[in-house]
Every structure is written in structure tokens, then in C-alpha cells.
Amino acid sequence: MSKRFLIPVLLFALFFAGMAIVQFASPDLPDNDGFYHIKLAWLMRTESLKPNFPWLPLSILNEEEFYDHHFLFHVALIPFTFGDLRLGAKWAAVTFSAVSFLCVWYLFHRQKIPASWLWAIALLGISDAFLYRMSITRVQSLSLAVLALGFAWILEGKYKHLAVLSFLYVWMYDAFPLILAVAGLHFLAVLLMERRFEFRPLLWAGIGIGAGLIINPYFPDNLIFTYHHLLPKLQDATSVNVGNEWYPYDTNQLLGNSLPALVAFVSGALALGLSGRKMDLRTATSFLIALLFGLMLFKARRFVEYFPPFALIFSAFAWAPLFDVEHRPVVFTSKFLAGLQSNLPIILLAVAVSIGIVKTIPVTQDRLSQSKPYDLYEGASDWLTQNTLAGERVFQTDWDDFPRLFFYNTHNTYLAGLDPTYLQLYDSDLYDVWVQITRGEVDQPSQVILERFGARYVHTDLNHGNFLRQAANDPGMTEVYRDGQSVIFEVVEP
């Protein structure tokens, strides 16, 4: 194998091994959504690429309006749906994160960054929160790959490649405006550094996005969903009790889980001063991108999947002139000392990368080992499958229980899932009633559940104490199943 292919193959193997070490620190999946994604991919393989989706009828993902906003991600998951779906989901997360890390290396390699392989390996130690997010069976890892490739092609002027990538990004993930943001920041960097207008990346990315929105298997529902899904997050992510990822870290958390990324970002600024050179275009653009994702991270912790790698990219670009042996003055006359001087930056980088990896991977493993057991709600799901009619609606007290229930049981339909705003946007009054019931604020809720929600069965975990007390005092609710994880009630008509 030629050197041209040997390095990326070895790097991919290293990334794959590193992420596998993290992933299999636990038999469980790191979060809930992976259960949904791998099960839907299985349905796409066994039924059709556009399976009917009757499982959330009281949300904007009802059967008539359903839009798979992770369509290409689910297609990419299909090869992992043969055999044990849980293991398939875990191996998919390992594979996709290794691919994204390799795309960052590709950016370094194409930009001729000295020790590009070493800078890329630093991703394994840049942030334990980042590694944790990359270990989740979600689209974020492939999204990072798209942004790294898009940035590389913007810098190289491969605008038609950028258009095709933008098209595919729309089909893969509804965060596709991010690639337009990268192109826009490149436009701003060119304007600041070179005093000229460079519209082509914006134009070609926009063409790709526009084509992806219109030439879409879910058109026009995709446009309606994208508007409804993104608008509440842009206006106020905390107006509805959404997942934790939409809330910010506090300062101590951020310093604890992403200190190497913050150091990399600050060190990049230091390198600009030490080099004594004018900042080049790629460094300016990467600085603006890292700054954008840093600001987004202060708004919502979910953007920890972007800030650390782009802080590293900025740092690599900023330090590149100081790694360039040809342009560095020789201080020592001794051959040994001169050789040591020429390799000192790489030695120091290797030490920093090693320390980061040694500290970060065990922390990530420990966090992953604390994941909820993968068989959570398996018993309750089996009971529902065996004792209810097909399509029977289940009232849940937690919207984020849906992925696990769906994973084990596609026999029933459910009330809320994936995002609580999907129910709120469908019927805000119904959403408010649901919240009141789940908090135990409605006395004898059985008839409301039956009449307003059309549900005869209720699933709840054991943490909803107020609701459980109301249910125990409600003659219209009969407990039909209980285990160490959850309770199922049947609503009895008067």
C-alpha cells in the first residue's frame, strides 16, 4: 500500500480503536435517541426507505405530515441493522466518529499543515464532552464530517463539490444552515483580510441547499417541519422543557469537560503573536468559525460537538508557520541541538496530545458507564405488545421515553417523542394539559387521558411521584404492570 493511502488507513484504524475503547466501556447506549435511530433504520431496511410513521399521531410527526429530517443518516445506519440492533448502533457510532475525525485530518492534509496526522489525533483528547457526544448514535458525528469537508473545499475553491455536499447535508440533517454559516464566515474573512467580496461559496452552498429542500422525498412537508422545528430553538430554547442538550454548561462544567479545547483556542491566539506574520485567510476563517461555535456552546451544550474540533483547527492553522522548519531561524550550531530545535514544536505537541488523550478517554469511559441500562422499559414494552390492540395509544409521562419504547415496541403508538415541541406545535392546549397531568396537578386524570388524548394505557417511570399518587387515588386507573423500572396503568371507563 502506497504512503498516500497508508496514512489515512492507519489513522482511521486508530480513531476507530480509540472510539471503540470509549464506546464499549459500557454495554449500554449513551442516550435515548440512538434507540429510535437504529430502529427506524431497521424499518427502512425491512419495509421501505419511506416507511409509514403512525407512532406519534398527536405531533407534527404524525403520519400525514411525517418528515424524516435525518433521512440520509438513517440510510447510513442500515448496514448496522443486521443482527443485534443495540450492538449495531454502538458500532455505527464508532464508525461515524472515526470518519469525522478522518475528515478533519483530510482538511489538515490538504492545507499542508505540518504534522497533520498528530493534530488530527488530538481530537481523541480535546474534550471528554466532545468524545461523549461523538459516541452517541446520532447524526452529529457525520455533521462534523460534512462541515470539515465543506471548509476544505471552500478553501480549495471546489465550489461544485460544496454544492453537492450541501445538497446531501439537507437530506441528512436539519442543521444544514451550518454549512451556509461556514461559507458566510469565509466571505467575512475575505472581506476583512483581502478587502474584496467572495460570494461563490455562499452562492454554491445556497444552490445546494435550495436544491436539497425542493428535490426532496418529503417535499413540501420538509419545509414546514424545518420552520417549526428550528424557530422555537432560535427564539428561546428554554421556553419548553426540552432536552438538557439545549441548556448551557456552567463555567465549571465547561472548564472541566473542555479545558484542552479552550487551551487550544487560546494558544492559537498566542501563536499568531509569536509567528510575527499577518494572519492568513484560512486562519482567519477558522477563528471566526470557532468563535461562532464557542458562542453557540455558551447558549446550548449540544454545540460541544463543534467547538472543540474547530478550536483545534484554528490552533493548527495558527501554529503552522512555527512548525515550518524552513522558515524558522537556526539558533544552535550543534547538530544535535539544531535537530532538537527543529523537532521541538512536534515534540511539545505530541506531549500535549498524549496528556489530553490519557486524561480524556478514561473520563469519557466513566461517563458512558453511567448510561441507563439498555433494557430499560423492555419488560413494559413486552407487556404492552402482548396485552393491547395493535395501534393502541400509550400515554407517557416523559417525552424522552419514546425512543426506548419505540425500540422494543412498534405495536403501539405514543403521545410525545423526540422533542416535546412536536406535541406543543401540534396542539398547544393539549400540551399544557399533558404537562399538568404528568406533574400530578390534575386530580383523577383518567377521564382526561381517555377523552382528550384517546389513550387507555399509561406508561410512567418511578420518578413521577406526584403523578403516581394521583393515579393511586383515581378509581379510573388500574395498575396492570410494574417492575423495577416503570408502571403501566389501564384507564377504566366509568
Protein backbone atom coordinates (compact mmCIF):
# COMPACT_ATOMS: atom_id res chain seq x y z
CA MET A 1 0.00 0.00 0.00
CA SER A 2 1.38 3.39 -1.00
CA LYS A 3 2.08 6.08 1.60
CA ARG A 4 -0.76 8.11 0.12
CA PHE A 5 -3.28 5.53 1.35
CA LEU A 6 -1.36 4.08 4.27
CA ILE A 7 -1.57 7.17 6.48
CA PRO A 8 -5.38 7.63 6.23
CA VAL A 9 -5.95 3.90 6.69
CA LEU A 10 -3.78 3.83 9.81
CA LEU A 11 -5.39 6.99 11.15
CA PHE A 12 -8.88 5.60 10.59
CA ALA A 13 -7.87 2.41 12.40
CA LEU A 14 -6.51 4.47 15.30
CA PHE A 15 -9.64 6.62 15.50
CA PHE A 16 -11.83 3.53 15.25
CA ALA A 17 -9.93 1.77 18.02
CA GLY A 18 -9.96 4.84 20.27
CA MET A 19 -13.69 5.37 19.92
CA ALA A 20 -14.37 1.65 20.35
CA ILE A 21 -12.46 1.74 23.65
CA VAL A 22 -14.74 4.56 24.74
CA GLN A 23 -17.94 3.04 23.34
CA PHE A 24 -17.57 -0.41 24.84
CA ALA A 25 -16.78 0.83 28.32
CA SER A 26 -20.48 0.06 28.76
CA PRO A 27 -22.93 -2.35 27.11
CA ASP A 28 -25.49 0.47 27.09
CA LEU A 29 -26.14 3.26 24.61
CA PRO A 30 -25.11 6.72 25.84
CA ASP A 31 -28.51 8.33 25.29
CA ASN A 32 -32.10 7.65 24.34
CA ASP A 33 -32.22 8.83 20.74
CA GLY A 34 -29.89 6.12 19.44
CA PHE A 35 -32.65 3.57 20.10
CA TYR A 36 -35.00 5.47 17.81
CA HIS A 37 -32.47 5.97 15.03
CA ILE A 38 -31.34 2.36 14.78
CA LYS A 39 -34.92 1.04 14.95
CA LEU A 40 -36.12 3.41 12.23
CA ALA A 41 -33.15 2.37 10.06
CA TRP A 42 -34.21 -1.25 10.61
CA LEU A 43 -37.74 -0.39 9.49
CA MET A 44 -36.33 1.33 6.40
CA ARG A 45 -34.43 -1.86 5.56
CA THR A 46 -37.28 -4.26 6.25
CA GLU A 47 -40.21 -2.19 4.94
CA SER A 48 -39.20 0.71 2.67
CA LEU A 49 -36.96 3.76 2.66
CA LYS A 50 -40.08 5.78 3.44
CA PRO A 51 -41.95 3.62 5.94
CA ASN A 52 -45.30 4.73 7.25
CA PHE A 53 -44.88 6.51 10.59
CA PRO A 54 -48.05 6.16 12.71
CA TRP A 55 -46.29 6.24 16.10
CA LEU A 56 -46.68 9.92 17.06
CA PRO A 57 -50.16 10.84 15.83
CA LEU A 58 -50.60 13.86 18.12
CA SER A 59 -47.46 15.66 16.98
CA ILE A 60 -46.11 17.37 13.88
CA LEU A 61 -44.56 13.96 13.10
CA ASN A 62 -47.99 12.43 12.55
CA GLU A 63 -48.42 10.01 9.68
CA GLU A 64 -49.74 12.62 7.24
CA GLU A 65 -47.00 15.19 7.91
CA PHE A 66 -44.05 12.96 8.84
CA TYR A 67 -40.66 14.17 7.64
CA ASP A 68 -37.53 12.13 8.29
CA HIS A 69 -35.14 15.01 8.96
CA HIS A 70 -32.28 12.51 9.35
CA PHE A 71 -33.06 10.58 6.18
CA LEU A 72 -29.52 10.00 4.86
CA PHE A 73 -28.26 9.34 8.37
CA HIS A 74 -30.80 6.55 8.67
CA VAL A 75 -29.75 5.23 5.27
CA ALA A 76 -26.15 5.19 6.52
CA LEU A 77 -27.31 3.21 9.58
CA ILE A 78 -28.94 0.46 7.51
CA PRO A 79 -25.76 -1.69 7.20
CA PHE A 80 -25.65 -1.78 11.01
CA THR A 81 -29.19 -3.18 11.36
CA PHE A 82 -28.26 -6.80 10.66
CA GLY A 83 -28.11 -8.71 13.92
CA ASP A 84 -28.33 -7.16 17.39
CA LEU A 85 -29.60 -3.61 16.90
CA ARG A 86 -28.04 -2.40 20.13
CA LEU A 87 -24.58 -3.56 19.05
CA GLY A 88 -25.21 -2.22 15.56
CA ALA A 89 -25.96 1.21 17.00
CA LYS A 90 -22.75 1.15 19.03
CA TRP A 91 -20.58 0.11 16.08
CA ALA A 92 -22.24 2.76 13.92
CA ALA A 93 -21.30 5.47 16.43
CA VAL A 94 -17.70 4.23 16.45
CA THR A 95 -17.53 4.16 12.65
CA PHE A 96 -19.13 7.55 12.05
CA SER A 97 -16.96 9.31 14.63
CA ALA A 98 -13.83 7.77 13.08
CA VAL A 99 -14.99 9.02 9.67
CA SER A 100 -15.50 12.55 11.03
CA PHE A 101 -12.03 12.60 12.62
CA LEU A 102 -10.54 11.43 9.34
CA CYS A 103 -12.29 14.31 7.55
CA VAL A 104 -10.62 16.76 9.94
CA TRP A 105 -7.28 15.13 9.09
CA TYR A 106 -8.16 15.50 5.39
CA LEU A 107 -8.62 19.24 5.94
CA PHE A 108 -5.20 19.46 7.62
CA HIS A 109 -3.60 17.29 4.94
CA ARG A 110 -5.00 19.30 2.03
CA GLN A 111 -3.89 22.52 3.71
CA LYS A 112 -0.38 21.06 4.18
CA ILE A 113 -0.38 21.52 7.94
CA PRO A 114 2.91 20.16 9.38
CA ALA A 115 2.29 17.00 11.45
CA SER A 116 -1.30 16.92 10.21
CA TRP A 117 -1.71 13.37 11.49
CA LEU A 118 -0.71 14.44 15.01
CA TRP A 119 -3.08 17.40 15.02
CA ALA A 120 -5.88 15.05 13.96
CA ILE A 121 -5.06 12.52 16.69
CA ALA A 122 -5.51 15.39 19.16
CA LEU A 123 -9.27 15.02 18.59
CA LEU A 124 -9.16 12.00 20.90
CA GLY A 125 -8.09 14.23 23.77
CA ILE A 126 -9.59 17.62 23.02
CA SER A 127 -12.71 17.32 25.23
CA ASP A 128 -14.41 14.49 27.10
CA ALA A 129 -17.80 16.10 26.45
CA PHE A 130 -16.96 16.10 22.73
CA LEU A 131 -15.93 12.43 22.78
CA TYR A 132 -19.11 11.57 24.65
CA ARG A 133 -21.25 13.30 22.02
CA MET A 134 -19.31 11.55 19.27
CA SER A 135 -20.11 8.24 20.99
CA ILE A 136 -23.85 8.76 20.64
CA THR A 137 -25.64 7.13 17.72
CA ARG A 138 -26.78 10.41 16.30
CA VAL A 139 -26.06 12.43 13.20
CA GLN A 140 -23.69 14.93 14.85
CA SER A 141 -20.53 12.99 14.00
CA LEU A 142 -21.39 12.89 10.30
CA SER A 143 -22.40 16.55 10.52
CA LEU A 144 -18.88 17.38 11.71
CA ALA A 145 -17.51 15.39 8.76
CA VAL A 146 -19.63 17.46 6.37
CA LEU A 147 -18.50 20.77 7.87
CA ALA A 148 -14.82 19.75 7.78
CA LEU A 149 -15.11 18.67 4.14
CA GLY A 150 -17.09 21.79 3.27
CA PHE A 151 -14.46 24.01 4.85
CA ALA A 152 -11.69 22.18 2.99
CA TRP A 153 -13.46 22.60 -0.34
CA ILE A 154 -14.21 26.27 0.33
CA LEU A 155 -10.50 26.90 0.92
CA GLU A 156 -9.62 24.98 -2.24
CA GLY A 157 -12.26 26.68 -4.36
CA LYS A 158 -14.07 23.42 -5.14
CA TYR A 159 -17.44 25.05 -5.19
CA LYS A 160 -19.31 22.42 -7.17
CA HIS A 161 -18.18 19.85 -4.62
CA LEU A 162 -19.54 22.22 -1.98
CA ALA A 163 -22.92 22.41 -3.73
CA VAL A 164 -23.27 18.63 -3.87
CA LEU A 165 -22.22 18.34 -0.22
CA SER A 166 -24.77 20.99 0.79
CA PHE A 167 -27.48 19.12 -1.11
CA LEU A 168 -26.67 15.90 0.75
CA TYR A 169 -26.47 17.76 4.07
CA VAL A 170 -30.10 18.86 3.69
CA TRP A 171 -31.15 15.24 3.23
CA MET A 172 -29.05 14.15 6.21
CA TYR A 173 -29.71 16.70 8.95
CA ASP A 174 -31.90 19.73 9.55
CA ALA A 175 -28.88 21.65 10.89
CA PHE A 176 -27.83 22.21 7.26
CA PRO A 177 -27.78 26.05 7.72
CA LEU A 178 -24.44 25.49 9.47
CA ILE A 179 -22.67 24.97 6.16
CA LEU A 180 -24.12 28.25 4.96
CA ALA A 181 -22.74 29.85 8.13
CA VAL A 182 -19.26 28.47 7.36
CA ALA A 183 -19.47 29.90 3.84
CA GLY A 184 -20.69 33.21 5.24
CA LEU A 185 -17.80 33.46 7.68
CA HIS A 186 -15.39 32.75 4.84
CA PHE A 187 -16.99 35.66 2.97
CA LEU A 188 -16.45 37.86 6.04
CA ALA A 189 -12.83 36.72 6.41
CA VAL A 190 -12.08 37.51 2.76
CA LEU A 191 -13.66 40.92 3.17
CA LEU A 192 -11.60 41.67 6.30
CA MET A 193 -8.30 40.24 5.12
CA GLU A 194 -8.33 40.98 1.39
CA ARG A 195 -10.86 43.81 1.07
CA ARG A 196 -12.86 42.05 -1.61
CA PHE A 197 -16.18 40.28 -1.98
CA GLU A 198 -16.16 36.49 -2.43
CA PHE A 199 -19.71 35.33 -2.98
CA ARG A 200 -19.05 31.99 -4.66
CA PRO A 201 -19.01 29.72 -1.57
CA LEU A 202 -22.24 31.31 -0.34
CA LEU A 203 -23.78 31.04 -3.79
CA TRP A 204 -22.89 27.37 -4.36
CA ALA A 205 -23.80 26.32 -0.83
CA GLY A 206 -27.10 28.14 -1.25
CA ILE A 207 -27.73 26.39 -4.58
CA GLY A 208 -27.08 23.02 -2.98
CA ILE A 209 -29.33 23.76 -0.01
CA GLY A 210 -32.12 25.12 -2.22
CA ALA A 211 -31.97 22.06 -4.45
CA GLY A 212 -31.92 19.74 -1.43
CA LEU A 213 -35.03 21.39 0.01
CA ILE A 214 -37.02 21.21 -3.21
CA ILE A 215 -35.74 17.94 -4.67
CA ASN A 216 -36.61 16.05 -1.53
CA PRO A 217 -38.56 12.84 -0.91
CA TYR A 218 -40.58 14.66 1.76
CA PHE A 219 -41.28 17.92 -0.09
CA PRO A 220 -43.12 20.11 0.97
CA ASP A 221 -43.52 18.67 4.49
CA ASN A 222 -39.77 19.12 4.98
CA LEU A 223 -40.11 22.90 4.62
CA ILE A 224 -42.95 23.08 7.12
CA PHE A 225 -41.17 20.88 9.63
CA THR A 226 -37.87 22.75 9.34
CA TYR A 227 -39.63 26.03 10.03
CA HIS A 228 -41.49 24.62 13.02
CA HIS A 229 -38.50 22.76 14.44
CA LEU A 230 -35.88 25.50 14.21
CA LEU A 231 -37.95 28.57 15.07
CA PRO A 232 -38.66 27.69 18.74
CA LYS A 233 -34.97 26.89 19.29
CA LEU A 234 -33.88 30.20 17.75
CA GLN A 235 -36.42 32.19 19.74
CA ASP A 236 -35.98 30.62 23.16
CA ALA A 237 -34.69 27.10 23.68
CA THR A 238 -35.81 27.06 27.30
CA SER A 239 -39.44 28.12 26.82
CA VAL A 240 -40.39 24.43 26.70
CA ASN A 241 -38.78 21.77 28.85
CA VAL A 242 -36.64 20.35 26.04
CA GLY A 243 -33.67 18.02 26.47
CA ASN A 244 -30.64 19.00 28.53
CA GLU A 245 -28.58 19.49 25.38
CA TRP A 246 -30.41 22.77 24.70
CA TYR A 247 -29.26 24.26 28.01
CA PRO A 248 -25.79 25.74 28.59
CA TYR A 249 -22.98 24.37 30.71
CA ASP A 250 -21.99 26.43 33.70
CA THR A 251 -18.41 27.72 33.74
CA ASN A 252 -17.04 24.99 35.99
CA GLN A 253 -18.57 22.27 33.82
CA LEU A 254 -17.08 23.77 30.68
CA LEU A 255 -13.64 24.12 32.25
CA GLY A 256 -13.88 20.54 33.45
CA ASN A 257 -15.01 18.85 30.25
CA SER A 258 -13.42 21.01 27.54
CA LEU A 259 -10.29 22.57 29.01
CA PRO A 260 -7.96 21.24 26.23
CA ALA A 261 -10.25 22.81 23.62
CA LEU A 262 -10.19 26.15 25.40
CA VAL A 263 -6.41 25.93 25.74
CA ALA A 264 -6.12 25.12 22.03
CA PHE A 265 -8.19 28.16 21.13
CA VAL A 266 -6.19 30.50 23.37
CA SER A 267 -2.89 29.00 22.22
CA GLY A 268 -3.87 29.75 18.64
CA ALA A 269 -4.12 33.42 19.52
CA LEU A 270 -0.69 33.19 21.19
CA ALA A 271 0.78 31.55 18.08
CA LEU A 272 -0.40 34.42 15.92
CA GLY A 273 1.66 36.80 18.03
CA LEU A 274 4.72 34.55 18.13
CA SER A 275 4.81 33.95 14.38
CA GLY A 276 5.19 37.66 13.61
CA ARG A 277 3.24 37.19 10.40
CA LYS A 278 -0.03 38.54 9.14
CA MET A 279 -2.90 36.15 9.74
CA ASP A 280 -3.74 34.26 6.56
CA LEU A 281 -7.22 33.68 5.18
CA ARG A 282 -7.67 30.10 6.35
CA THR A 283 -6.63 31.01 9.91
CA ALA A 284 -8.96 34.00 9.99
CA THR A 285 -11.86 31.88 8.72
CA SER A 286 -11.21 29.09 11.21
CA PHE A 287 -11.01 31.66 14.01
CA LEU A 288 -14.42 33.06 13.07
CA ILE A 289 -15.93 29.56 12.82
CA ALA A 290 -14.51 28.53 16.21
CA LEU A 291 -15.75 31.80 17.69
CA LEU A 292 -19.25 31.18 16.31
CA PHE A 293 -19.41 27.67 17.73
CA GLY A 294 -17.98 28.94 21.01
CA LEU A 295 -20.80 31.46 21.30
CA MET A 296 -23.31 28.76 20.38
CA LEU A 297 -21.80 26.50 23.05
CA PHE A 298 -22.40 29.18 25.68
CA LYS A 299 -26.04 29.11 24.56
CA ALA A 300 -26.54 25.33 24.39
CA ARG A 301 -24.25 22.45 25.39
CA ARG A 302 -25.15 20.44 22.31
CA PHE A 303 -22.67 22.55 20.32
CA VAL A 304 -19.79 20.97 22.21
CA GLU A 305 -19.66 18.63 19.22
CA TYR A 306 -18.43 21.53 17.05
CA PHE A 307 -16.47 23.99 19.17
CA PRO A 308 -13.61 21.66 20.27
CA PRO A 309 -12.73 20.39 16.76
CA PHE A 310 -12.88 23.86 15.25
CA ALA A 311 -10.86 25.31 18.13
CA LEU A 312 -8.28 22.65 17.25
CA ILE A 313 -8.47 23.52 13.55
CA PHE A 314 -7.88 27.19 14.33
CA SER A 315 -4.95 26.27 16.59
CA ALA A 316 -3.39 24.05 13.91
CA PHE A 317 -3.65 26.78 11.30
CA ALA A 318 -2.29 29.43 13.67
CA TRP A 319 0.69 27.30 14.76
CA ALA A 320 1.53 26.06 11.25
CA PRO A 321 4.11 28.81 10.49
CA LEU A 322 6.01 27.97 13.70
CA PHE A 323 6.13 24.30 12.70
CA ASP A 324 7.64 25.22 9.33
CA VAL A 325 11.33 24.27 9.67
CA GLU A 326 12.37 26.08 6.50
CA HIS A 327 11.25 29.46 7.80
CA ARG A 328 12.45 29.04 11.36
CA PRO A 329 15.85 30.58 12.27
CA VAL A 330 18.53 28.17 13.49
CA VAL A 331 19.76 29.16 16.96
CA PHE A 332 22.19 26.34 17.74
CA THR A 333 25.36 25.36 15.86
CA SER A 334 25.44 21.87 17.37
CA LYS A 335 23.87 19.35 15.00
CA PHE A 336 22.12 17.58 17.89
CA LEU A 337 20.74 20.78 19.41
CA ALA A 338 19.76 22.12 16.00
CA GLY A 339 17.88 18.89 15.32
CA LEU A 340 16.21 19.10 18.71
CA GLN A 341 15.19 22.70 17.98
CA SER A 342 13.71 21.80 14.61
CA ASN A 343 11.62 19.00 16.15
CA LEU A 344 10.74 20.77 19.39
CA PRO A 345 7.29 22.01 18.29
CA ILE A 346 6.26 18.49 17.23
CA ILE A 347 7.66 17.02 20.45
CA LEU A 348 5.73 19.51 22.55
CA LEU A 349 2.58 18.90 20.52
CA ALA A 350 2.98 15.14 20.93
CA VAL A 351 3.31 15.55 24.68
CA ALA A 352 0.24 17.79 24.86
CA VAL A 353 -1.79 15.37 22.70
CA SER A 354 -0.71 12.39 24.81
CA ILE A 355 -1.64 14.12 28.06
CA GLY A 356 -5.02 15.10 26.62
CA ILE A 357 -5.81 11.56 25.46
CA VAL A 358 -4.66 9.94 28.71
CA LYS A 359 -6.88 12.27 30.73
CA THR A 360 -9.88 12.48 28.42
CA ILE A 361 -10.60 8.89 27.38
CA PRO A 362 -10.95 7.47 30.94
CA VAL A 363 -13.27 10.33 31.93
CA THR A 364 -15.42 9.67 28.87
CA GLN A 365 -15.46 5.94 29.60
CA ASP A 366 -16.58 6.61 33.14
CA ARG A 367 -19.38 8.88 31.97
CA LEU A 368 -20.51 6.32 29.39
CA SER A 369 -20.50 3.57 32.02
CA GLN A 370 -23.17 5.56 33.87
CA SER A 371 -25.65 5.28 30.98
CA LYS A 372 -29.13 3.96 31.66
CA PRO A 373 -29.43 0.18 31.17
CA TYR A 374 -30.20 -0.72 27.58
CA ASP A 375 -33.11 -2.98 28.62
CA LEU A 376 -34.92 -0.09 30.32
CA TYR A 377 -38.65 -0.49 29.57
CA GLU A 378 -38.15 -3.79 27.75
CA GLY A 379 -40.46 -5.55 30.19
CA ALA A 380 -43.13 -2.85 29.99
CA SER A 381 -42.90 -2.85 26.19
CA ASP A 382 -43.35 -6.62 26.05
CA TRP A 383 -46.43 -6.40 28.28
CA LEU A 384 -47.99 -3.73 26.06
CA THR A 385 -47.26 -5.74 22.92
CA GLN A 386 -48.90 -8.85 24.34
CA ASN A 387 -51.90 -7.24 26.05
CA THR A 388 -53.05 -4.35 23.87
CA LEU A 389 -54.51 -3.99 20.41
CA ALA A 390 -52.28 -3.00 17.51
CA GLY A 391 -52.07 0.78 17.27
CA GLU A 392 -53.34 1.29 20.83
CA ARG A 393 -52.17 4.70 22.03
CA VAL A 394 -49.96 4.86 25.12
CA PHE A 395 -49.92 7.98 27.29
CA GLN A 396 -46.36 8.61 28.56
CA THR A 397 -45.37 10.85 31.42
CA ASP A 398 -41.99 11.56 29.77
CA TRP A 399 -41.49 12.53 26.14
CA ASP A 400 -37.92 11.19 26.11
CA ASP A 401 -39.10 7.67 26.99
CA PHE A 402 -40.40 7.32 23.44
CA PRO A 403 -37.16 6.12 21.74
CA ARG A 404 -36.76 3.18 24.13
CA LEU A 405 -40.43 2.24 23.97
CA PHE A 406 -40.34 2.51 20.18
CA PHE A 407 -37.17 0.37 20.04
CA TYR A 408 -38.87 -2.53 21.79
CA ASN A 409 -42.45 -1.95 20.71
CA THR A 410 -43.75 -0.68 17.38
CA HIS A 411 -47.06 -2.44 18.12
CA ASN A 412 -48.41 0.62 19.95
CA THR A 413 -48.49 4.33 19.19
CA TYR A 414 -47.37 7.04 21.59
CA LEU A 415 -48.15 10.52 22.74
CA ALA A 416 -44.92 12.50 22.55
CA GLY A 417 -41.41 11.80 21.44
CA LEU A 418 -38.05 13.06 20.16
CA ASP A 419 -38.84 16.66 21.12
CA PRO A 420 -41.67 17.97 23.34
CA THR A 421 -42.21 20.91 21.00
CA TYR A 422 -43.56 18.47 18.38
CA LEU A 423 -46.63 17.94 20.58
CA GLN A 424 -46.82 21.59 21.57
CA LEU A 425 -46.71 22.77 17.96
CA TYR A 426 -49.43 20.28 17.03
CA ASP A 427 -51.78 21.36 19.83
CA SER A 428 -50.53 23.79 22.46
CA ASP A 429 -53.58 23.37 24.71
CA LEU A 430 -53.18 19.60 24.66
CA TYR A 431 -49.52 20.01 25.51
CA ASP A 432 -50.35 22.18 28.53
CA VAL A 433 -52.84 19.60 29.81
CA TRP A 434 -50.25 16.83 29.34
CA VAL A 435 -47.69 18.77 31.39
CA GLN A 436 -50.21 19.36 34.17
CA ILE A 437 -51.12 15.67 34.30
CA THR A 438 -47.51 14.47 34.35
CA ARG A 439 -46.72 16.85 37.21
CA GLY A 440 -49.59 15.48 39.25
CA GLU A 441 -51.56 18.74 39.07
CA VAL A 442 -54.77 17.11 37.81
CA ASP A 443 -56.96 15.21 40.26
CA GLN A 444 -58.17 11.85 38.99
CA PRO A 445 -56.68 12.29 35.50
CA SER A 446 -58.05 9.07 33.99
CA GLN A 447 -61.01 10.58 32.15
CA VAL A 448 -58.94 13.46 30.80
CA ILE A 449 -56.39 10.97 29.49
CA LEU A 450 -59.13 8.93 27.85
CA GLU A 451 -61.20 11.77 26.42
CA ARG A 452 -58.54 14.34 25.48
CA PHE A 453 -55.71 12.01 24.47
CA GLY A 454 -57.60 8.93 23.32
CA ALA A 455 -55.34 6.69 25.43
CA ARG A 456 -56.40 3.71 27.55
CA TYR A 457 -52.93 2.84 28.78
CA VAL A 458 -50.43 4.97 30.67
CA HIS A 459 -46.70 4.34 30.97
CA THR A 460 -44.64 6.11 33.62
CA ASP A 461 -41.27 5.68 35.25
CA LEU A 462 -40.99 5.52 39.02
CA ASN A 463 -39.72 9.11 39.35
CA HIS A 464 -43.06 10.78 38.72
CA GLY A 465 -44.13 10.62 42.38
CA ASN A 466 -46.86 13.26 42.15
CA PHE A 467 -48.45 11.57 39.15
CA LEU A 468 -48.21 8.14 40.80
CA ARG A 469 -50.04 9.48 43.88
CA GLN A 470 -52.82 10.89 41.72
CA ALA A 471 -53.09 7.60 39.83
CA ALA A 472 -53.26 5.60 43.07
CA ASN A 473 -56.23 7.76 44.19
CA ASP A 474 -58.01 7.57 40.84
CA PRO A 475 -60.65 4.77 40.65
CA GLY A 476 -60.48 5.07 36.86
CA MET A 477 -56.89 3.89 36.75
CA THR A 478 -55.88 0.29 37.42
CA GLU A 479 -52.28 -0.78 37.78
CA VAL A 480 -51.71 -3.69 35.38
CA TYR A 481 -47.91 -3.94 35.30
CA ARG A 482 -44.99 -2.93 37.48
CA ASP A 483 -41.30 -3.73 37.57
CA GLY A 484 -38.23 -2.01 38.95
CA GLN A 485 -38.25 0.50 36.07
CA SER A 486 -41.82 1.52 35.29
CA VAL A 487 -45.54 1.15 35.85
CA ILE A 488 -48.39 0.68 33.39
CA PHE A 489 -51.95 1.73 34.21
CA GLU A 490 -55.10 0.87 32.33
CA VAL A 491 -57.77 3.56 32.16
CA VAL A 492 -61.10 2.03 33.10
CA GLU A 493 -64.21 3.65 31.66
CA PRO A 494 -66.92 4.56 34.21
